[in-house]
């Protein structure tokens, strides 16, 4: 599958942001996927891009699970995303960390830039941009239902996707306190055959129901 790009930038421009996941309108129905590429730029101009993070599990337009590398994303497509993200960072004169968000049509390989946000100059090591393990899952749980309460963020890493999913499910099941709505929803998603097979976003919702 070849990668084709259509650039549609957000009117918000560059603004402050932290790492994935991000709240925004969910992916369109069908085979659209939402992916983030982190970009790191040093004061000397050195630039590096990280692996693709996919916003895999949504609920009420909130991202509850982001995963890197994105499941079943062709190497050619990820490479194209990273090149475009680097170009966006250069064009905007970023320093420190920023994130470029994409919408990808999984069938045609066409993708578009939907947002680009720069974090304030962080002075972080720009070449330390890959996940801390071969696979990583970031989960947001509980408090998110009530926007006045802080979200709990859980980062799970492992050598394989299967290992990460098992660790995430176990961590959720062993968390102290009452099981909130988000926790029950996440555990059912992580354990579903559809998600384990690599379905994400609206495709996952259609398969699980």
C-alpha atoms as a PDB file:
ATOM      1  CA  UNK A   1       0.000   0.000   0.000  1.00  0.00           C
ATOM      2  CA  UNK A   2       1.530   3.281  -1.069  1.00  0.00           C
ATOM      3  CA  UNK A   3       1.328   6.331   1.153  1.00  0.00           C
ATOM      4  CA  UNK A   4      -0.271   9.475  -0.246  1.00  0.00           C
ATOM      5  CA  UNK A   5      -0.558  12.719   1.665  1.00  0.00           C
ATOM      6  CA  UNK A   6      -3.090  15.522   1.710  1.00  0.00           C
ATOM      7  CA  UNK A   7      -2.074  18.319   4.061  1.00  0.00           C
ATOM      8  CA  UNK A   8      -4.921  19.976   5.971  1.00  0.00           C
ATOM      9  CA  UNK A   9      -3.568  21.986   8.891  1.00  0.00           C
ATOM     10  CA  UNK A  10      -5.527  22.929  11.975  1.00  0.00           C
ATOM     11  CA  UNK A  11      -6.324  26.621  12.308  1.00  0.00           C
ATOM     12  CA  UNK A  12      -5.162  26.516  15.939  1.00  0.00           C
ATOM     13  CA  UNK A  13      -1.510  26.460  14.915  1.00  0.00           C
ATOM     14  CA  UNK A  14       1.231  25.536  17.363  1.00  0.00           C
ATOM     15  CA  UNK A  15       0.323  25.466  21.032  1.00  0.00           C
ATOM     16  CA  UNK A  16       1.308  23.697  24.236  1.00  0.00           C
ATOM     17  CA  UNK A  17       0.619  19.993  24.604  1.00  0.00           C
ATOM     18  CA  UNK A  18       1.716  16.935  26.489  1.00  0.00           C
ATOM     19  CA  UNK A  19       2.155  13.425  25.136  1.00  0.00           C
ATOM     20  CA  UNK A  20      -0.556  11.072  23.918  1.00  0.00           C
ATOM     21  CA  UNK A  21      -3.442  10.476  24.224  1.00  0.00           C
ATOM     22  CA  UNK A  22      -5.208  13.707  23.214  1.00  0.00           C
ATOM     23  CA  UNK A  23      -8.869  14.726  23.490  1.00  0.00           C
ATOM     24  CA  UNK A  24     -10.446  15.789  20.219  1.00  0.00           C
ATOM     25  CA  UNK A  25     -13.192  14.681  17.893  1.00  0.00           C
ATOM     26  CA  UNK A  26     -12.896  10.980  17.177  1.00  0.00           C
ATOM     27  CA  UNK A  27     -12.016   9.417  13.834  1.00  0.00           C
ATOM     28  CA  UNK A  28     -14.597   9.394  11.083  1.00  0.00           C
ATOM     29  CA  UNK A  29     -16.639   6.259  10.539  1.00  0.00           C
ATOM     30  CA  UNK A  30     -15.046   3.658   8.311  1.00  0.00           C
ATOM     31  CA  UNK A  31     -11.344   2.906   8.071  1.00  0.00           C
ATOM     32  CA  UNK A  32      -9.910   6.223   9.264  1.00  0.00           C
ATOM     33  CA  UNK A  33      -7.170   6.027  11.888  1.00  0.00           C
ATOM     34  CA  UNK A  34      -5.671   8.763  14.086  1.00  0.00           C
ATOM     35  CA  UNK A  35      -1.894   8.736  14.533  1.00  0.00           C
ATOM     36  CA  UNK A  36       0.614  10.990  16.283  1.00  0.00           C
ATOM     37  CA  UNK A  37       4.286  11.493  15.495  1.00  0.00           C
ATOM     38  CA  UNK A  38       6.440  13.138  18.156  1.00  0.00           C
ATOM     39  CA  UNK A  39       9.210  15.402  16.887  1.00  0.00           C
ATOM     40  CA  UNK A  40      12.262  16.485  18.883  1.00  0.00           C
ATOM     41  CA  UNK A  41      14.380  19.457  17.820  1.00  0.00           C
ATOM     42  CA  UNK A  42      17.549  20.572  19.603  1.00  0.00           C
ATOM     43  CA  UNK A  43      18.723  24.162  19.980  1.00  0.00           C
ATOM     44  CA  UNK A  44      21.474  23.296  17.505  1.00  0.00           C
ATOM     45  CA  UNK A  45      18.883  22.215  14.946  1.00  0.00           C
ATOM     46  CA  UNK A  46      19.188  18.445  15.322  1.00  0.00           C
ATOM     47  CA  UNK A  47      15.877  16.759  14.597  1.00  0.00           C
ATOM     48  CA  UNK A  48      14.507  13.287  15.341  1.00  0.00           C
ATOM     49  CA  UNK A  49      11.072  11.704  15.048  1.00  0.00           C
ATOM     50  CA  UNK A  50       9.577   8.919  17.149  1.00  0.00           C
ATOM     51  CA  UNK A  51       7.522   5.882  16.191  1.00  0.00           C
ATOM     52  CA  UNK A  52       3.841   6.359  15.381  1.00  0.00           C
ATOM     53  CA  UNK A  53       1.412   6.431  18.310  1.00  0.00           C
ATOM     54  CA  UNK A  54      -2.138   5.443  17.404  1.00  0.00           C
ATOM     55  CA  UNK A  55      -5.149   6.670  19.349  1.00  0.00           C
ATOM     56  CA  UNK A  56      -6.636   3.198  19.456  1.00  0.00           C
ATOM     57  CA  UNK A  57      -9.575   3.244  21.873  1.00  0.00           C
ATOM     58  CA  UNK A  58     -12.047   6.105  22.100  1.00  0.00           C
ATOM     59  CA  UNK A  59     -15.047   6.820  24.288  1.00  0.00           C
ATOM     60  CA  UNK A  60     -17.224   9.941  24.052  1.00  0.00           C
ATOM     61  CA  UNK A  61     -14.588  11.657  21.868  1.00  0.00           C
ATOM     62  CA  UNK A  62     -11.913  10.940  24.508  1.00  0.00           C
ATOM     63  CA  UNK A  63      -8.817   8.883  23.800  1.00  0.00           C
ATOM     64  CA  UNK A  64      -8.493   6.167  26.437  1.00  0.00           C
ATOM     65  CA  UNK A  65      -5.716   4.057  24.885  1.00  0.00           C
ATOM     66  CA  UNK A  66      -2.789   5.101  22.708  1.00  0.00           C
ATOM     67  CA  UNK A  67      -0.325   2.534  21.419  1.00  0.00           C
ATOM     68  CA  UNK A  68       3.133   2.564  19.869  1.00  0.00           C
ATOM     69  CA  UNK A  69       4.027   1.284  17.405  1.00  0.00           C
ATOM     70  CA  UNK A  70       0.610   1.526  15.771  1.00  0.00           C
ATOM     71  CA  UNK A  71      -0.842  -1.962  15.110  1.00  0.00           C
ATOM     72  CA  UNK A  72      -0.347  -3.268  11.550  1.00  0.00           C
ATOM     73  CA  UNK A  73       0.883   0.081  10.220  1.00  0.00           C
ATOM     74  CA  UNK A  74       3.010  -0.508   7.102  1.00  0.00           C
ATOM     75  CA  UNK A  75       6.618   0.625   7.431  1.00  0.00           C
ATOM     76  CA  UNK A  76       6.279   2.713   4.259  1.00  0.00           C
ATOM     77  CA  UNK A  77       3.329   4.643   5.698  1.00  0.00           C
ATOM     78  CA  UNK A  78       5.017   5.251   9.043  1.00  0.00           C
ATOM     79  CA  UNK A  79       8.147   6.468   7.246  1.00  0.00           C
ATOM     80  CA  UNK A  80       6.049   8.901   5.204  1.00  0.00           C
ATOM     81  CA  UNK A  81       4.337  10.199   8.360  1.00  0.00           C
ATOM     82  CA  UNK A  82       7.703  10.780  10.035  1.00  0.00           C
ATOM     83  CA  UNK A  83       9.047  12.671   7.014  1.00  0.00           C
ATOM     84  CA  UNK A  84       5.999  14.952   6.885  1.00  0.00           C
ATOM     85  CA  UNK A  85       6.130  15.528  10.662  1.00  0.00           C
ATOM     86  CA  UNK A  86       9.780  16.545  10.377  1.00  0.00           C
ATOM     87  CA  UNK A  87       8.928  18.942   7.554  1.00  0.00           C
ATOM     88  CA  UNK A  88       6.167  20.531   9.664  1.00  0.00           C
ATOM     89  CA  UNK A  89       8.582  21.023  12.579  1.00  0.00           C
ATOM     90  CA  UNK A  90      11.196  22.634  10.321  1.00  0.00           C
ATOM     91  CA  UNK A  91       8.656  24.894   8.617  1.00  0.00           C
ATOM     92  CA  UNK A  92       7.367  26.130  11.982  1.00  0.00           C
ATOM     93  CA  UNK A  93      10.766  26.541  13.558  1.00  0.00           C
ATOM     94  CA  UNK A  94      10.062  24.259  16.515  1.00  0.00           C
ATOM     95  CA  UNK A  95      12.533  23.672  19.335  1.00  0.00           C
ATOM     96  CA  UNK A  96      12.136  20.986  21.970  1.00  0.00           C
ATOM     97  CA  UNK A  97       9.186  18.621  21.558  1.00  0.00           C
ATOM     98  CA  UNK A  98       6.134  18.820  19.336  1.00  0.00           C
ATOM     99  CA  UNK A  99       3.502  16.475  17.970  1.00  0.00           C
ATOM    100  CA  UNK A 100       1.991  16.234  14.495  1.00  0.00           C
ATOM    101  CA  UNK A 101      -1.365  14.458  14.293  1.00  0.00           C
ATOM    102  CA  UNK A 102      -2.575  12.631  11.186  1.00  0.00           C
ATOM    103  CA  UNK A 103      -5.770  11.068   9.902  1.00  0.00           C
ATOM    104  CA  UNK A 104      -5.043   7.991   7.777  1.00  0.00           C
ATOM    105  CA  UNK A 105      -7.393   6.189   5.417  1.00  0.00           C
ATOM    106  CA  UNK A 106      -6.300   2.625   6.080  1.00  0.00           C
ATOM    107  CA  UNK A 107      -7.595   1.339   2.741  1.00  0.00           C
ATOM    108  CA  UNK A 108      -6.082   3.847   0.322  1.00  0.00           C
ATOM    109  CA  UNK A 109      -3.030   4.907   2.335  1.00  0.00           C
ATOM    110  CA  UNK A 110      -3.993   8.576   1.938  1.00  0.00           C
ATOM    111  CA  UNK A 111      -3.295  10.630   5.051  1.00  0.00           C
ATOM    112  CA  UNK A 112      -3.660  14.269   6.032  1.00  0.00           C
ATOM    113  CA  UNK A 113      -2.172  16.469   8.729  1.00  0.00           C
ATOM    114  CA  UNK A 114      -4.976  17.488  11.090  1.00  0.00           C
ATOM    115  CA  UNK A 115      -3.047  19.221  13.856  1.00  0.00           C
ATOM    116  CA  UNK A 116       0.450  20.321  14.855  1.00  0.00           C
ATOM    117  CA  UNK A 117       1.257  21.401  18.369  1.00  0.00           C
ATOM    118  CA  UNK A 118       4.583  22.477  19.853  1.00  0.00           C
ATOM    119  CA  UNK A 119       5.454  22.101  23.503  1.00  0.00           C
ATOM    120  CA  UNK A 120       7.276  24.961  25.189  1.00  0.00           C
ATOM    121  CA  UNK A 121      11.058  24.677  24.888  1.00  0.00           C
ATOM    122  CA  UNK A 122      11.806  21.698  27.082  1.00  0.00           C
ATOM    123  CA  UNK A 123      15.531  21.193  26.631  1.00  0.00           C
ATOM    124  CA  UNK A 124      14.890  17.438  26.495  1.00  0.00           C
ATOM    125  CA  UNK A 125      17.365  15.114  24.815  1.00  0.00           C
ATOM    126  CA  UNK A 126      16.182  15.204  21.237  1.00  0.00           C
ATOM    127  CA  UNK A 127      17.458  11.820  20.152  1.00  0.00           C
ATOM    128  CA  UNK A 128      15.851   9.887  23.020  1.00  0.00           C
ATOM    129  CA  UNK A 129      12.553   9.748  21.163  1.00  0.00           C
ATOM    130  CA  UNK A 130      11.725   6.078  20.721  1.00  0.00           C
ATOM    131  CA  UNK A 131       9.489   4.195  23.199  1.00  0.00           C
ATOM    132  CA  UNK A 132      11.324   2.826  26.228  1.00  0.00           C
ATOM    133  CA  UNK A 133      10.571  -0.723  25.032  1.00  0.00           C
ATOM    134  CA  UNK A 134       9.691  -2.489  21.804  1.00  0.00           C
ATOM    135  CA  UNK A 135       6.008  -1.867  22.503  1.00  0.00           C
ATOM    136  CA  UNK A 136       4.164   0.631  24.694  1.00  0.00           C
ATOM    137  CA  UNK A 137       0.558   1.267  25.706  1.00  0.00           C
ATOM    138  CA  UNK A 138      -0.689   4.406  27.443  1.00  0.00           C
ATOM    139  CA  UNK A 139      -4.041   4.166  29.210  1.00  0.00           C
ATOM    140  CA  UNK A 140      -6.242   6.898  30.703  1.00  0.00           C
ATOM    141  CA  UNK A 141      -8.710   5.782  33.346  1.00  0.00           C
ATOM    142  CA  UNK A 142     -11.232   6.873  35.965  1.00  0.00           C
ATOM    143  CA  UNK A 143     -11.325  10.613  36.870  1.00  0.00           C
ATOM    144  CA  UNK A 144     -11.749  11.379  33.143  1.00  0.00           C
ATOM    145  CA  UNK A 145     -15.519  10.848  33.445  1.00  0.00           C
ATOM    146  CA  UNK A 146     -15.636  13.855  35.750  1.00  0.00           C
ATOM    147  CA  UNK A 147     -13.613  16.581  34.040  1.00  0.00           C
ATOM    148  CA  UNK A 148     -12.981  18.215  37.447  1.00  0.00           C
ATOM    149  CA  UNK A 149     -10.910  15.226  38.566  1.00  0.00           C
ATOM    150  CA  UNK A 150      -7.419  14.326  37.320  1.00  0.00           C
ATOM    151  CA  UNK A 151      -6.962  11.417  34.953  1.00  0.00           C
ATOM    152  CA  UNK A 152      -4.933   8.396  35.953  1.00  0.00           C
ATOM    153  CA  UNK A 153      -2.340   7.583  33.308  1.00  0.00           C
ATOM    154  CA  UNK A 154      -0.883   4.111  33.067  1.00  0.00           C
ATOM    155  CA  UNK A 155       2.121   3.435  30.819  1.00  0.00           C
ATOM    156  CA  UNK A 156       2.761  -0.255  30.120  1.00  0.00           C
ATOM    157  CA  UNK A 157       5.830  -1.477  28.200  1.00  0.00           C
ATOM    158  CA  UNK A 158       6.996  -4.844  26.947  1.00  0.00           C
ATOM    159  CA  UNK A 159       8.887  -6.815  24.342  1.00  0.00           C
ATOM    160  CA  UNK A 160       5.751  -7.759  22.347  1.00  0.00           C
ATOM    161  CA  UNK A 161       2.244  -6.434  21.862  1.00  0.00           C
ATOM    162  CA  UNK A 162       0.765  -9.532  23.464  1.00  0.00           C
ATOM    163  CA  UNK A 163       2.908  -9.059  26.551  1.00  0.00           C
ATOM    164  CA  UNK A 164       1.854  -5.412  26.842  1.00  0.00           C
ATOM    165  CA  UNK A 165      -1.856  -6.229  26.520  1.00  0.00           C
ATOM    166  CA  UNK A 166      -1.600  -8.897  29.218  1.00  0.00           C
ATOM    167  CA  UNK A 167       0.280  -6.540  31.536  1.00  0.00           C
ATOM    168  CA  UNK A 168      -2.211  -3.727  30.952  1.00  0.00           C
ATOM    169  CA  UNK A 169      -5.192  -5.978  31.658  1.00  0.00           C
ATOM    170  CA  UNK A 170      -3.582  -7.290  34.843  1.00  0.00           C
ATOM    171  CA  UNK A 171      -2.628  -3.800  36.019  1.00  0.00           C
ATOM    172  CA  UNK A 172      -6.181  -2.553  35.512  1.00  0.00           C
ATOM    173  CA  UNK A 173      -7.663  -5.527  37.339  1.00  0.00           C
ATOM    174  CA  UNK A 174      -5.298  -5.091  40.303  1.00  0.00           C
ATOM    175  CA  UNK A 175      -5.689  -1.340  40.765  1.00  0.00           C
ATOM    176  CA  UNK A 176      -7.017  -0.463  44.230  1.00  0.00           C
ATOM    177  CA  UNK A 177     -10.352   1.218  44.759  1.00  0.00           C
ATOM    178  CA  UNK A 178     -13.714   0.723  43.070  1.00  0.00           C
ATOM    179  CA  UNK A 179     -13.702  -0.218  39.398  1.00  0.00           C
ATOM    180  CA  UNK A 180     -14.894   2.856  37.554  1.00  0.00           C
ATOM    181  CA  UNK A 181     -16.796   2.921  34.291  1.00  0.00           C
ATOM    182  CA  UNK A 182     -13.663   3.566  32.266  1.00  0.00           C
ATOM    183  CA  UNK A 183     -11.793   0.670  33.858  1.00  0.00           C
ATOM    184  CA  UNK A 184     -14.521  -1.854  33.049  1.00  0.00           C
ATOM    185  CA  UNK A 185     -14.767  -0.538  29.493  1.00  0.00           C
ATOM    186  CA  UNK A 186     -11.006  -0.671  28.985  1.00  0.00           C
ATOM    187  CA  UNK A 187     -10.659  -4.184  30.349  1.00  0.00           C
ATOM    188  CA  UNK A 188     -13.374  -5.424  27.985  1.00  0.00           C
ATOM    189  CA  UNK A 189     -11.674  -3.710  25.037  1.00  0.00           C
ATOM    190  CA  UNK A 190      -8.174  -4.982  25.864  1.00  0.00           C
ATOM    191  CA  UNK A 191      -9.482  -8.545  26.262  1.00  0.00           C
ATOM    192  CA  UNK A 192     -11.541  -8.472  23.065  1.00  0.00           C
ATOM    193  CA  UNK A 193     -10.505 -10.660  20.164  1.00  0.00           C
ATOM    194  CA  UNK A 194     -10.919  -7.680  17.813  1.00  0.00           C
ATOM    195  CA  UNK A 195      -8.425  -5.468  19.660  1.00  0.00           C
ATOM    196  CA  UNK A 196      -5.982  -8.320  20.184  1.00  0.00           C
ATOM    197  CA  UNK A 197      -6.047  -8.890  16.413  1.00  0.00           C
ATOM    198  CA  UNK A 198      -5.093  -5.245  15.801  1.00  0.00           C
ATOM    199  CA  UNK A 199      -8.403  -3.498  15.099  1.00  0.00           C
ATOM    200  CA  UNK A 200      -8.526   0.076  16.395  1.00  0.00           C
ATOM    201  CA  UNK A 201     -10.781   3.130  16.468  1.00  0.00           C
ATOM    202  CA  UNK A 202     -14.101   2.894  14.678  1.00  0.00           C
ATOM    203  CA  UNK A 203     -13.170  -0.490  13.221  1.00  0.00           C
ATOM    204  CA  UNK A 204     -12.801  -1.807  16.761  1.00  0.00           C
ATOM    205  CA  UNK A 205     -16.123  -0.293  17.835  1.00  0.00           C
ATOM    206  CA  UNK A 206     -17.896  -1.892  14.873  1.00  0.00           C
ATOM    207  CA  UNK A 207     -16.398  -5.294  15.650  1.00  0.00           C
ATOM    208  CA  UNK A 208     -17.041  -5.250  19.402  1.00  0.00           C
ATOM    209  CA  UNK A 209     -20.350  -3.396  19.357  1.00  0.00           C
END
